[in-house]
Every structure is written in structure tokens, then in C-alpha cells.
Amino acid sequence: MTSFNRVFRLALVSLLATFLLAVIWEFAFEYPLFIHFGWVNEAESIASRWGHVTVIMAFAAITVTFLTLLSVRLVRELQTKDEIMRKKDEDRMTFAADVAHELRTPLAVLRAHLDSLDDADTNYQLVQDVDRITRIVEQVLAKSQIEAIQLGPDDMADLAEVSSSMAAYLAPLVIREGRLIEVVGAEKPVMINGNTFALEQALRNLVENAIKYSARGSTITIEVSATPSIRVIDRGRGVPFEEREMIFERFHRADRRSGGSGLGLSIVRRVAEAHGGKISVEDAPGGGAVFVLNFPRF
């Protein structure tokens, strides 16, 4: 039902309620009272009662019409403003996606040229910087795509498959950074109403965050549960209680020396919200952090 239909329906209900109350008051209360004391005869009382009801309904109709017209005007103004804001958001996200897409190719070319340099020390630092910029560009592009996601009732995703595939995809990076990665509980499918691409992006950001803050030589665990949920466990320093909400804010960085963009965990929260779920962080037994993605049961 549209906003205009609601306004008109409310107006009709108001008029009907006013009519019923007027009739009840005139004929169930005043009419018997006047007849009982003999102030008017029965015929005159009935005629005057209906006259009163007519006057009441006339004033009610004028008032309701005025309020209805005012409400319709306000609804139109709100819809216009909402459409303008929606268009601005779409333009902003489209612009971000276009910029990110255009930057990917020159960054790839630059990365290829750096690989051919002879100065190993300089080359290593430049490659690290280019890789960091490339990842930020990828996150901006992913965020713009995730913002546009609208789940349909037939959209299905398997948390076990998402966890296994992302662990295999990120394994080379994890090993290169001196960590190990394992997946637990992915033996059977765990189906939810979800978007596979968005879930992969959320899990990728959680694993990259675990790499950044866990100790070298430790194991990053992806645990899939039929609840349904995904838990990413690291053996790092953990997250202080007072920061457990702030870290999911866009551009917030717990450690500014890490060089991150501050987008990763905000993307995770956006994915969780798009799926009707939530993201939380807990202490891991023996030290470290546990990031938990909880989803509604299918």
C-alpha cells in the first residue's frame, strides 16, 4: 500500500468513526434523556438529532479534507527528498565504482613494471605500496557493489562452500605472511538466504584482518556452524572491549601504522546487515579475537 493510499484510507476511517460516535452520542445518550424528561416530543427530537449529526459531519468533512490535503503535500515532499537522496547515493557509489575500476588496470601495469626492477630493496617497498593501494581500490569497488545488493527469496549461499573456497584462495597470502589457515565444520552444506559474492568479500576481509593482527607462526581458523554462523579466530592480541563497536565504523583503524584503509570491517558489517545478520567480536580462549558472523536461520 502506497503512502497516498494510507492517507486516504485514514481519512475515510476518520469520517466513519466521527459519524458513528455522533450517532451514538445523539441517539444513545441525549435522545433517551430528552424524551425521559419530556423536554421535546419524539418526532422533534429525532429530527433535531439528525440535524446535529449532519452539522457534525459537515465540520468533520471540512477538517479531514484540509488535513488530508496537507498530508498529501507532506508525503509528496518527503518522497521527492527521498528520491533525491537515493539518486545522490547511487551517483556516489557509481562514481566510486568507476574510479576503482579505472585504477585497477594502471596499478596492474605499474606492478608488472616494478617486478622488472633490479634494485631488490626499493622494489620490495614499492611493490608493497602498490599492493596496498590495489587492495584499497578492490575494497572500494567491492563496497560499491555490496551497497547495491538486494536479496531475493531465491538467493541461496552455502557458508561451508564460501569458507572452503576463500580459505583456498587466501592460503598463498596467509603462508607468505608466515601464518597457517584451517577450516572447521565445513563437511556439510550450511545454506542461508544470501549472496555468495558479498559473503566472500566479508570473509576475505576478516581473514586479512586476522593476518594483520595475529602472531607469525599462528593458525587462523575459519569455523562454520549450522546455527548458522561463521567464526574467524586468530591468535593475536585481541580487541579491547571499548573498541569492539568502533572497529566496524568506516575508516576506523585500530593501528594506524598498519596502512589499512579502514574499510574492511565496515564492509563486513554491511554484508551482515544486508543478510539480516550481525557481526560481533569476542575474546578467543588463550588469547586473540573471534569475529562472529551470525545469520538468520533459513
Protein backbone atom coordinates (compact mmCIF):
# COMPACT_ATOMS: atom_id res chain seq x y z
CA MET A 1 0.00 0.00 0.00
CA THR A 2 1.41 3.39 -1.02
CA SER A 3 1.68 6.39 1.27
CA PHE A 4 -1.13 8.18 -0.59
CA ASN A 5 -3.45 5.19 -0.17
CA ARG A 6 -2.72 5.15 3.55
CA VAL A 7 -3.59 8.86 3.83
CA PHE A 8 -6.92 8.47 2.01
CA ARG A 9 -7.78 5.32 3.92
CA LEU A 10 -7.07 7.07 7.22
CA ALA A 11 -9.29 9.98 6.12
CA LEU A 12 -12.22 7.66 5.34
CA VAL A 13 -11.78 5.80 8.62
CA SER A 14 -11.75 9.13 10.49
CA LEU A 15 -15.02 10.23 8.85
CA LEU A 16 -16.67 6.89 9.55
CA ALA A 17 -15.54 6.94 13.18
CA THR A 18 -16.83 10.51 13.59
CA PHE A 19 -20.23 9.52 12.12
CA LEU A 20 -20.57 6.51 14.42
CA LEU A 21 -19.59 8.50 17.51
CA ALA A 22 -22.01 11.29 16.62
CA VAL A 23 -24.91 8.86 16.09
CA ILE A 24 -24.13 7.02 19.33
CA TRP A 25 -23.95 10.25 21.29
CA GLU A 26 -27.10 11.79 19.82
CA PHE A 27 -29.34 8.70 19.90
CA ALA A 28 -27.93 6.53 22.70
CA PHE A 29 -27.29 9.28 25.27
CA GLU A 30 -29.02 12.61 24.58
CA TYR A 31 -32.13 11.25 22.80
CA PRO A 32 -33.32 8.96 25.67
CA LEU A 33 -32.51 11.68 28.20
CA PHE A 34 -34.56 14.35 26.41
CA ILE A 35 -37.53 12.01 25.90
CA HIS A 36 -37.43 10.85 29.53
CA PHE A 37 -37.73 14.37 30.92
CA GLY A 38 -40.21 15.42 28.25
CA TRP A 39 -38.15 18.34 27.01
CA VAL A 40 -39.12 17.63 23.39
CA ASN A 41 -41.52 15.27 21.71
CA GLU A 42 -40.22 12.19 19.97
CA ALA A 43 -40.61 13.43 16.38
CA GLU A 44 -38.90 16.76 17.06
CA SER A 45 -36.09 15.02 18.96
CA ILE A 46 -35.34 12.61 16.09
CA ALA A 47 -35.28 15.43 13.53
CA SER A 48 -33.01 17.61 15.67
CA ARG A 49 -30.67 14.70 16.41
CA TRP A 50 -30.14 14.03 12.71
CA GLY A 51 -29.61 17.74 12.18
CA HIS A 52 -26.89 17.71 14.80
CA VAL A 53 -25.25 14.69 13.15
CA THR A 54 -25.34 16.45 9.78
CA VAL A 55 -23.65 19.57 11.20
CA ILE A 56 -21.01 17.49 12.96
CA MET A 57 -20.27 15.54 9.76
CA ALA A 58 -20.02 18.75 7.72
CA PHE A 59 -17.39 20.20 10.05
CA ALA A 60 -15.61 16.83 10.22
CA ALA A 61 -15.53 16.58 6.42
CA ILE A 62 -14.02 20.06 6.09
CA THR A 63 -11.39 19.33 8.76
CA VAL A 64 -10.48 15.90 7.38
CA THR A 65 -10.26 17.25 3.83
CA PHE A 66 -7.88 20.01 4.94
CA LEU A 67 -5.69 17.58 6.90
CA THR A 68 -5.72 15.09 4.01
CA LEU A 69 -4.55 17.71 1.51
CA LEU A 70 -1.84 18.82 3.93
CA SER A 71 -0.74 15.22 4.47
CA VAL A 72 -0.62 14.52 0.73
CA ARG A 73 1.57 17.58 0.23
CA LEU A 74 3.93 16.47 3.02
CA VAL A 75 4.10 12.94 1.59
CA ARG A 76 5.00 14.29 -1.84
CA GLU A 77 7.72 16.49 -0.40
CA LEU A 78 9.18 13.59 1.60
CA GLN A 79 9.09 11.30 -1.43
CA THR A 80 10.83 13.93 -3.55
CA LYS A 81 13.55 14.42 -0.94
CA ASP A 82 13.94 10.67 -0.52
CA GLU A 83 14.32 10.22 -4.27
CA ILE A 84 16.93 12.99 -4.42
CA MET A 85 18.91 11.38 -1.58
CA ARG A 86 18.66 7.95 -3.21
CA LYS A 87 19.88 9.38 -6.51
CA LYS A 88 22.82 11.07 -4.78
CA ASP A 89 23.77 7.82 -3.05
CA GLU A 90 23.58 5.93 -6.35
CA ASP A 91 25.69 8.57 -8.10
CA ARG A 92 28.26 8.48 -5.30
CA MET A 93 28.55 4.70 -5.36
CA THR A 94 28.66 4.64 -9.17
CA PHE A 95 31.42 7.22 -9.16
CA ALA A 96 33.42 5.24 -6.57
CA ALA A 97 32.97 2.05 -8.58
CA ASP A 98 34.02 3.76 -11.83
CA VAL A 99 37.12 5.28 -10.23
CA ALA A 100 38.10 1.97 -8.65
CA HIS A 101 37.57 0.13 -11.91
CA GLU A 102 39.68 2.64 -13.87
CA LEU A 103 42.53 2.45 -11.34
CA ARG A 104 42.86 -1.33 -11.44
CA THR A 105 44.48 -1.52 -14.88
CA PRO A 106 47.21 1.13 -14.38
CA LEU A 107 48.02 -0.35 -10.98
CA ALA A 108 48.42 -3.79 -12.54
CA VAL A 109 50.72 -2.33 -15.21
CA LEU A 110 52.75 -0.50 -12.57
CA ARG A 111 53.04 -3.70 -10.54
CA ALA A 112 54.38 -5.54 -13.61
CA HIS A 113 56.98 -2.85 -14.23
CA LEU A 114 58.12 -2.93 -10.61
CA ASP A 115 58.70 -6.67 -10.83
CA SER A 116 61.30 -5.99 -13.54
CA LEU A 117 63.38 -3.59 -11.45
CA ASP A 118 66.86 -4.69 -10.35
CA ASP A 119 67.00 -2.85 -7.01
CA ALA A 120 65.52 -5.51 -4.72
CA ASP A 121 65.18 -3.34 -1.59
CA THR A 122 63.49 -0.43 -3.37
CA ASN A 123 61.44 -2.80 -5.46
CA TYR A 124 60.10 -4.63 -2.40
CA GLN A 125 58.89 -1.45 -0.70
CA LEU A 126 57.30 -0.11 -3.89
CA VAL A 127 55.58 -3.44 -4.57
CA GLN A 128 54.19 -3.41 -1.01
CA ASP A 129 52.82 0.10 -1.54
CA VAL A 130 51.26 -0.78 -4.89
CA ASP A 131 49.72 -3.94 -3.46
CA ARG A 132 48.26 -1.93 -0.59
CA ILE A 133 46.75 0.65 -2.96
CA THR A 134 45.42 -2.12 -5.19
CA ARG A 135 43.68 -3.73 -2.22
CA ILE A 136 42.11 -0.42 -1.20
CA VAL A 137 40.81 0.03 -4.75
CA GLU A 138 39.39 -3.50 -4.65
CA GLN A 139 37.66 -2.75 -1.35
CA VAL A 140 36.11 0.45 -2.70
CA LEU A 141 34.84 -1.46 -5.74
CA ALA A 142 33.51 -4.30 -3.58
CA LYS A 143 31.79 -1.88 -1.22
CA SER A 144 30.02 -0.12 -4.10
CA GLN A 145 28.79 -3.49 -5.38
CA ILE A 146 27.70 -4.67 -1.95
CA GLU A 147 25.73 -1.46 -1.28
CA ALA A 148 23.56 -2.28 -4.31
CA ILE A 149 22.78 -5.84 -3.22
CA GLN A 150 19.14 -6.68 -2.62
CA LEU A 151 18.50 -10.26 -1.58
CA GLY A 152 15.65 -12.13 -3.22
CA PRO A 153 13.85 -15.09 -1.63
CA ASP A 154 15.57 -17.48 -4.06
CA ASP A 155 19.12 -16.23 -3.43
CA MET A 156 20.99 -19.07 -1.74
CA ALA A 157 24.54 -19.35 -0.44
CA ASP A 158 26.45 -22.18 1.25
CA LEU A 159 28.56 -20.96 4.17
CA ALA A 160 30.63 -24.15 4.08
CA GLU A 161 31.46 -23.66 0.39
CA VAL A 162 32.19 -19.95 0.88
CA SER A 163 34.56 -20.73 3.76
CA SER A 164 36.40 -23.52 1.95
CA SER A 165 36.81 -21.57 -1.30
CA MET A 166 38.02 -18.39 0.40
CA ALA A 167 40.47 -20.35 2.57
CA ALA A 168 41.94 -21.94 -0.57
CA TYR A 169 42.05 -18.56 -2.33
CA LEU A 170 43.79 -16.80 0.57
CA ALA A 171 46.11 -19.67 1.54
CA PRO A 172 49.08 -18.37 -0.55
CA LEU A 173 48.79 -14.94 1.10
CA VAL A 174 48.46 -16.48 4.57
CA ILE A 175 51.51 -18.70 4.06
CA ARG A 176 53.55 -15.84 2.60
CA GLU A 177 52.81 -13.84 5.75
CA GLY A 178 54.04 -16.70 7.94
CA ARG A 179 50.67 -18.00 9.18
CA LEU A 180 48.55 -21.09 8.64
CA ILE A 181 44.83 -21.32 7.86
CA GLU A 182 42.29 -24.05 8.58
CA VAL A 183 38.56 -24.58 8.05
CA VAL A 184 36.45 -26.40 10.65
CA GLY A 185 32.86 -27.60 10.33
CA ALA A 186 32.57 -27.33 6.55
CA GLU A 187 31.89 -31.03 5.96
CA LYS A 188 28.18 -30.45 5.27
CA PRO A 189 26.41 -27.59 3.45
CA VAL A 190 25.13 -24.74 5.63
CA MET A 191 22.58 -22.94 3.48
CA ILE A 192 21.31 -19.41 4.07
CA ASN A 193 19.39 -16.82 2.10
CA GLY A 194 22.44 -14.94 0.88
CA ASN A 195 24.70 -13.55 -1.81
CA THR A 196 27.86 -15.59 -2.34
CA PHE A 197 29.96 -12.68 -3.64
CA ALA A 198 29.13 -10.48 -0.65
CA LEU A 199 29.81 -13.28 1.82
CA GLU A 200 33.17 -13.99 0.17
CA GLN A 201 34.14 -10.33 0.48
CA ALA A 202 33.17 -10.27 4.16
CA LEU A 203 35.14 -13.42 4.92
CA ARG A 204 38.13 -12.22 2.93
CA ASN A 205 38.27 -9.01 4.96
CA LEU A 206 38.01 -10.94 8.23
CA VAL A 207 40.87 -13.25 7.27
CA GLU A 208 43.03 -10.34 6.08
CA ASN A 209 42.32 -8.61 9.38
CA ALA A 210 43.37 -11.78 11.22
CA ILE A 211 46.62 -11.90 9.22
CA LYS A 212 47.36 -8.31 10.12
CA TYR A 213 46.89 -8.70 13.87
CA SER A 214 47.88 -12.34 14.58
CA ALA A 215 51.34 -13.59 15.51
CA ARG A 216 53.61 -15.14 12.90
CA GLY A 217 53.55 -18.92 13.06
CA SER A 218 49.98 -18.98 14.41
CA THR A 219 46.93 -20.54 12.78
CA ILE A 220 43.87 -18.64 11.57
CA THR A 221 40.71 -20.73 11.98
CA ILE A 222 37.50 -20.40 9.96
CA GLU A 223 34.77 -22.22 11.84
CA VAL A 224 31.42 -22.91 10.18
CA SER A 225 28.38 -23.66 12.34
CA ALA A 226 24.86 -24.80 11.48
CA THR A 227 23.43 -22.08 13.75
CA PRO A 228 24.18 -20.63 11.02
CA SER A 229 27.35 -18.65 11.56
CA ILE A 230 30.98 -18.19 10.56
CA ARG A 231 33.67 -17.59 13.16
CA VAL A 232 37.15 -16.32 12.27
CA ILE A 233 39.60 -16.98 15.10
CA ASP A 234 43.08 -15.52 15.36
CA ARG A 235 45.80 -15.83 17.98
CA GLY A 236 46.72 -12.17 18.21
CA ARG A 237 46.40 -9.54 20.87
CA GLY A 238 42.60 -9.42 20.78
CA VAL A 239 40.32 -6.38 20.64
CA PRO A 240 39.85 -4.18 23.74
CA PHE A 241 36.23 -4.13 24.92
CA GLU A 242 35.87 -0.37 24.44
CA GLU A 243 36.84 -0.66 20.75
CA ARG A 244 34.53 -3.53 19.77
CA GLU A 245 31.91 -1.24 18.25
CA MET A 246 34.23 1.41 16.81
CA ILE A 247 36.28 -1.03 14.74
CA PHE A 248 33.29 -1.60 12.45
CA GLU A 249 32.99 2.11 11.66
CA ARG A 250 34.13 3.14 8.21
CA PHE A 251 37.75 4.44 8.09
CA HIS A 252 38.39 3.48 11.70
CA ARG A 253 41.81 1.88 12.14
CA ALA A 254 42.86 0.29 15.41
CA ASP A 255 46.53 0.60 14.38
CA ARG A 256 47.31 3.46 12.01
CA ARG A 257 50.78 2.08 11.42
CA SER A 258 49.28 -0.88 9.57
CA GLY A 259 48.49 1.18 6.48
CA GLY A 260 44.98 -0.22 6.11
CA SER A 261 42.13 1.74 4.60
CA GLY A 262 39.69 1.27 7.47
CA LEU A 263 37.12 -0.14 5.01
CA GLY A 264 37.47 -3.86 5.63
CA LEU A 265 35.44 -4.33 8.81
CA SER A 266 32.83 -1.77 7.73
CA ILE A 267 32.28 -3.92 4.62
CA VAL A 268 31.85 -6.96 6.89
CA ARG A 269 29.17 -5.19 8.92
CA ARG A 270 27.37 -4.00 5.77
CA VAL A 271 27.29 -7.58 4.45
CA ALA A 272 25.94 -8.85 7.77
CA GLU A 273 23.19 -6.22 7.80
CA ALA A 274 22.26 -6.93 4.16
CA HIS A 275 21.68 -10.56 5.18
CA GLY A 276 19.66 -9.69 8.28
CA GLY A 277 22.52 -10.83 10.48
CA LYS A 278 25.09 -9.22 12.73
CA ILE A 279 28.84 -9.16 13.32
CA SER A 280 30.38 -9.29 16.78
CA VAL A 281 33.80 -9.82 18.30
CA GLU A 282 34.76 -11.90 21.33
CA ASP A 283 37.89 -12.98 23.16
CA ALA A 284 39.47 -16.19 21.91
CA PRO A 285 40.39 -18.82 24.52
CA GLY A 286 44.09 -18.49 25.22
CA GLY A 287 44.30 -15.04 23.65
CA GLY A 288 43.28 -13.50 20.36
CA ALA A 289 39.99 -12.45 18.82
CA VAL A 290 36.93 -14.26 17.49
CA PHE A 291 34.89 -12.43 14.85
CA VAL A 292 31.42 -13.98 14.59
CA LEU A 293 29.08 -13.56 11.63
CA ASN A 294 25.58 -14.69 12.67
CA PHE A 295 22.80 -15.14 10.09
CA PRO A 296 19.06 -15.85 10.35
CA ARG A 297 18.02 -19.48 10.02
CA PHE A 298 16.85 -20.41 6.54
